[in-house]
């Protein structure tokens, strides 16, 4: 399925194309195993999935717009921050209230960055 945002896409379609659900699902599958690993392994896995988000959408999702690739990759990091337990990110980085606010605002606002006929 092509994930490239087009001028015909409505708000919902844009939102679906901007959230890398497959990569977030992969992270969720790995999260339980990450609890037993050290922080270094956790950050390596998050980094690999962050890069994989970009590559997956570029080559398998046929996304050519750089802005969309960047926003989708950032979306992955925001989702990780919001769903990762404190044991993974650590109490110094994890703030559940802030994570919820960021996730809701990001998810609701990112489709507005892609206007009808946006060539980027």
C-alpha atoms as a PDB file:
ATOM      1  CA  UNK A   1       0.000   0.000   0.000  1.00  0.00           C
ATOM      2  CA  UNK A   2       1.349   3.387  -0.942  1.00  0.00           C
ATOM      3  CA  UNK A   3       1.609   5.636   2.098  1.00  0.00           C
ATOM      4  CA  UNK A   4       2.421   8.829   0.184  1.00  0.00           C
ATOM      5  CA  UNK A   5       0.105  11.679   1.151  1.00  0.00           C
ATOM      6  CA  UNK A   6      -1.759  13.005  -1.866  1.00  0.00           C
ATOM      7  CA  UNK A   7      -3.834  16.091  -2.498  1.00  0.00           C
ATOM      8  CA  UNK A   8      -6.994  13.938  -2.429  1.00  0.00           C
ATOM      9  CA  UNK A   9      -6.381  12.701   1.119  1.00  0.00           C
ATOM     10  CA  UNK A  10      -8.675  13.960   3.839  1.00  0.00           C
ATOM     11  CA  UNK A  11      -7.613  14.606   7.441  1.00  0.00           C
ATOM     12  CA  UNK A  12      -8.162  10.984   8.548  1.00  0.00           C
ATOM     13  CA  UNK A  13      -6.232   9.556   5.589  1.00  0.00           C
ATOM     14  CA  UNK A  14      -3.320  11.895   6.282  1.00  0.00           C
ATOM     15  CA  UNK A  15      -3.321  10.933   9.941  1.00  0.00           C
ATOM     16  CA  UNK A  16      -3.249   7.226   9.131  1.00  0.00           C
ATOM     17  CA  UNK A  17      -0.385   7.722   6.672  1.00  0.00           C
ATOM     18  CA  UNK A  18       1.650   9.789   9.155  1.00  0.00           C
ATOM     19  CA  UNK A  19       1.538   7.345  12.081  1.00  0.00           C
ATOM     20  CA  UNK A  20       3.902   4.409  11.446  1.00  0.00           C
ATOM     21  CA  UNK A  21       1.589   1.772  12.929  1.00  0.00           C
ATOM     22  CA  UNK A  22       3.683  -1.179  11.719  1.00  0.00           C
ATOM     23  CA  UNK A  23       6.813   0.112  13.436  1.00  0.00           C
ATOM     24  CA  UNK A  24       4.930   1.039  16.622  1.00  0.00           C
ATOM     25  CA  UNK A  25       3.499  -2.509  16.633  1.00  0.00           C
ATOM     26  CA  UNK A  26       7.011  -3.940  16.236  1.00  0.00           C
ATOM     27  CA  UNK A  27       8.159  -1.860  19.200  1.00  0.00           C
ATOM     28  CA  UNK A  28       5.214  -3.089  21.295  1.00  0.00           C
ATOM     29  CA  UNK A  29       6.140  -6.688  20.455  1.00  0.00           C
ATOM     30  CA  UNK A  30       9.715  -6.066  21.596  1.00  0.00           C
ATOM     31  CA  UNK A  31       8.863  -3.952  24.645  1.00  0.00           C
ATOM     32  CA  UNK A  32       8.246  -6.902  26.981  1.00  0.00           C
ATOM     33  CA  UNK A  33      11.640  -8.342  26.110  1.00  0.00           C
ATOM     34  CA  UNK A  34      13.321  -4.963  26.507  1.00  0.00           C
ATOM     35  CA  UNK A  35      12.336  -4.834  30.169  1.00  0.00           C
ATOM     36  CA  UNK A  36      14.926  -7.562  30.859  1.00  0.00           C
ATOM     37  CA  UNK A  37      17.722  -5.838  28.929  1.00  0.00           C
ATOM     38  CA  UNK A  38      19.991  -2.991  29.877  1.00  0.00           C
ATOM     39  CA  UNK A  39      19.342   0.600  28.856  1.00  0.00           C
ATOM     40  CA  UNK A  40      21.940   0.399  26.090  1.00  0.00           C
ATOM     41  CA  UNK A  41      20.004  -2.367  24.336  1.00  0.00           C
ATOM     42  CA  UNK A  42      16.764  -0.419  24.731  1.00  0.00           C
ATOM     43  CA  UNK A  43      18.224   2.685  23.091  1.00  0.00           C
ATOM     44  CA  UNK A  44      19.793   0.627  20.295  1.00  0.00           C
ATOM     45  CA  UNK A  45      16.432  -1.008  19.521  1.00  0.00           C
ATOM     46  CA  UNK A  46      14.638   2.350  19.585  1.00  0.00           C
ATOM     47  CA  UNK A  47      17.321   3.832  17.316  1.00  0.00           C
ATOM     48  CA  UNK A  48      17.120   0.940  14.855  1.00  0.00           C
ATOM     49  CA  UNK A  49      13.324   1.173  14.714  1.00  0.00           C
ATOM     50  CA  UNK A  50      13.551   4.956  14.245  1.00  0.00           C
ATOM     51  CA  UNK A  51      15.823   4.487  11.223  1.00  0.00           C
ATOM     52  CA  UNK A  52      13.706   1.557  10.034  1.00  0.00           C
ATOM     53  CA  UNK A  53      10.615   3.799  10.092  1.00  0.00           C
ATOM     54  CA  UNK A  54      12.244   6.095   7.567  1.00  0.00           C
ATOM     55  CA  UNK A  55      13.523   3.236   5.374  1.00  0.00           C
ATOM     56  CA  UNK A  56      10.307   1.219   5.570  1.00  0.00           C
ATOM     57  CA  UNK A  57       8.133   4.137   4.501  1.00  0.00           C
ATOM     58  CA  UNK A  58      10.580   5.274   1.819  1.00  0.00           C
ATOM     59  CA  UNK A  59      11.090   1.936   0.122  1.00  0.00           C
ATOM     60  CA  UNK A  60       8.030  -0.165   1.006  1.00  0.00           C
ATOM     61  CA  UNK A  61       5.482   2.575   1.588  1.00  0.00           C
ATOM     62  CA  UNK A  62       6.601   4.481  -1.523  1.00  0.00           C
ATOM     63  CA  UNK A  63       6.758   7.767   0.402  1.00  0.00           C
ATOM     64  CA  UNK A  64       8.794  10.346  -1.502  1.00  0.00           C
ATOM     65  CA  UNK A  65       7.980  13.491   0.486  1.00  0.00           C
ATOM     66  CA  UNK A  66      10.808  14.283   2.896  1.00  0.00           C
ATOM     67  CA  UNK A  67       8.513  16.175   5.232  1.00  0.00           C
ATOM     68  CA  UNK A  68       6.245  13.155   5.539  1.00  0.00           C
ATOM     69  CA  UNK A  69       9.231  10.854   6.205  1.00  0.00           C
ATOM     70  CA  UNK A  70      10.511  13.175   8.918  1.00  0.00           C
ATOM     71  CA  UNK A  71       7.106  13.610  10.574  1.00  0.00           C
ATOM     72  CA  UNK A  72       6.422   9.872  10.524  1.00  0.00           C
ATOM     73  CA  UNK A  73       9.811   9.096  12.046  1.00  0.00           C
ATOM     74  CA  UNK A  74       9.223  11.676  14.775  1.00  0.00           C
ATOM     75  CA  UNK A  75       5.768  10.171  15.305  1.00  0.00           C
ATOM     76  CA  UNK A  76       7.428   6.857  16.154  1.00  0.00           C
ATOM     77  CA  UNK A  77       9.588   8.509  18.817  1.00  0.00           C
ATOM     78  CA  UNK A  78       6.590  10.300  20.304  1.00  0.00           C
ATOM     79  CA  UNK A  79       4.608   7.063  20.446  1.00  0.00           C
ATOM     80  CA  UNK A  80       7.525   5.283  22.120  1.00  0.00           C
ATOM     81  CA  UNK A  81       7.803   8.057  24.683  1.00  0.00           C
ATOM     82  CA  UNK A  82       4.104   7.832  25.435  1.00  0.00           C
ATOM     83  CA  UNK A  83       3.776   4.041  25.677  1.00  0.00           C
ATOM     84  CA  UNK A  84       7.141   3.017  27.127  1.00  0.00           C
ATOM     85  CA  UNK A  85       7.021   2.124  30.803  1.00  0.00           C
ATOM     86  CA  UNK A  86       9.224   3.999  33.236  1.00  0.00           C
ATOM     87  CA  UNK A  87      11.444   0.914  33.560  1.00  0.00           C
ATOM     88  CA  UNK A  88      12.540   1.337  29.945  1.00  0.00           C
ATOM     89  CA  UNK A  89      13.089   5.086  29.694  1.00  0.00           C
ATOM     90  CA  UNK A  90      13.946   5.703  33.328  1.00  0.00           C
ATOM     91  CA  UNK A  91      12.337   8.011  35.871  1.00  0.00           C
ATOM     92  CA  UNK A  92      14.545  10.939  34.837  1.00  0.00           C
ATOM     93  CA  UNK A  93      13.164  10.897  31.267  1.00  0.00           C
ATOM     94  CA  UNK A  94       9.670   9.449  31.654  1.00  0.00           C
ATOM     95  CA  UNK A  95       6.806  11.819  32.498  1.00  0.00           C
ATOM     96  CA  UNK A  96       3.427  10.150  31.855  1.00  0.00           C
ATOM     97  CA  UNK A  97       1.397  13.371  31.966  1.00  0.00           C
ATOM     98  CA  UNK A  98       3.694  15.182  29.566  1.00  0.00           C
ATOM     99  CA  UNK A  99       3.815  12.134  27.301  1.00  0.00           C
ATOM    100  CA  UNK A 100       0.026  12.064  27.059  1.00  0.00           C
ATOM    101  CA  UNK A 101      -0.177  15.771  26.251  1.00  0.00           C
ATOM    102  CA  UNK A 102       2.518  15.534  23.574  1.00  0.00           C
ATOM    103  CA  UNK A 103       0.964  12.433  22.005  1.00  0.00           C
ATOM    104  CA  UNK A 104      -2.539  13.895  21.796  1.00  0.00           C
ATOM    105  CA  UNK A 105      -1.416  17.251  20.418  1.00  0.00           C
ATOM    106  CA  UNK A 106       1.037  15.702  17.942  1.00  0.00           C
ATOM    107  CA  UNK A 107      -1.496  13.214  16.644  1.00  0.00           C
ATOM    108  CA  UNK A 108      -4.205  15.836  16.214  1.00  0.00           C
ATOM    109  CA  UNK A 109      -1.999  18.516  14.666  1.00  0.00           C
ATOM    110  CA  UNK A 110       0.366  16.779  12.233  1.00  0.00           C
ATOM    111  CA  UNK A 111      -2.170  16.349   9.403  1.00  0.00           C
ATOM    112  CA  UNK A 112      -2.506  20.142   9.265  1.00  0.00           C
ATOM    113  CA  UNK A 113       1.115  20.408   8.098  1.00  0.00           C
ATOM    114  CA  UNK A 114       0.099  18.721   4.852  1.00  0.00           C
ATOM    115  CA  UNK A 115      -2.229  20.992   2.935  1.00  0.00           C
ATOM    116  CA  UNK A 116      -4.045  20.100  -0.269  1.00  0.00           C
ATOM    117  CA  UNK A 117      -1.586  19.872  -3.139  1.00  0.00           C
ATOM    118  CA  UNK A 118       1.459  20.224  -0.877  1.00  0.00           C
ATOM    119  CA  UNK A 119       4.477  19.315  -3.057  1.00  0.00           C
ATOM    120  CA  UNK A 120       6.992  18.755  -0.219  1.00  0.00           C
END
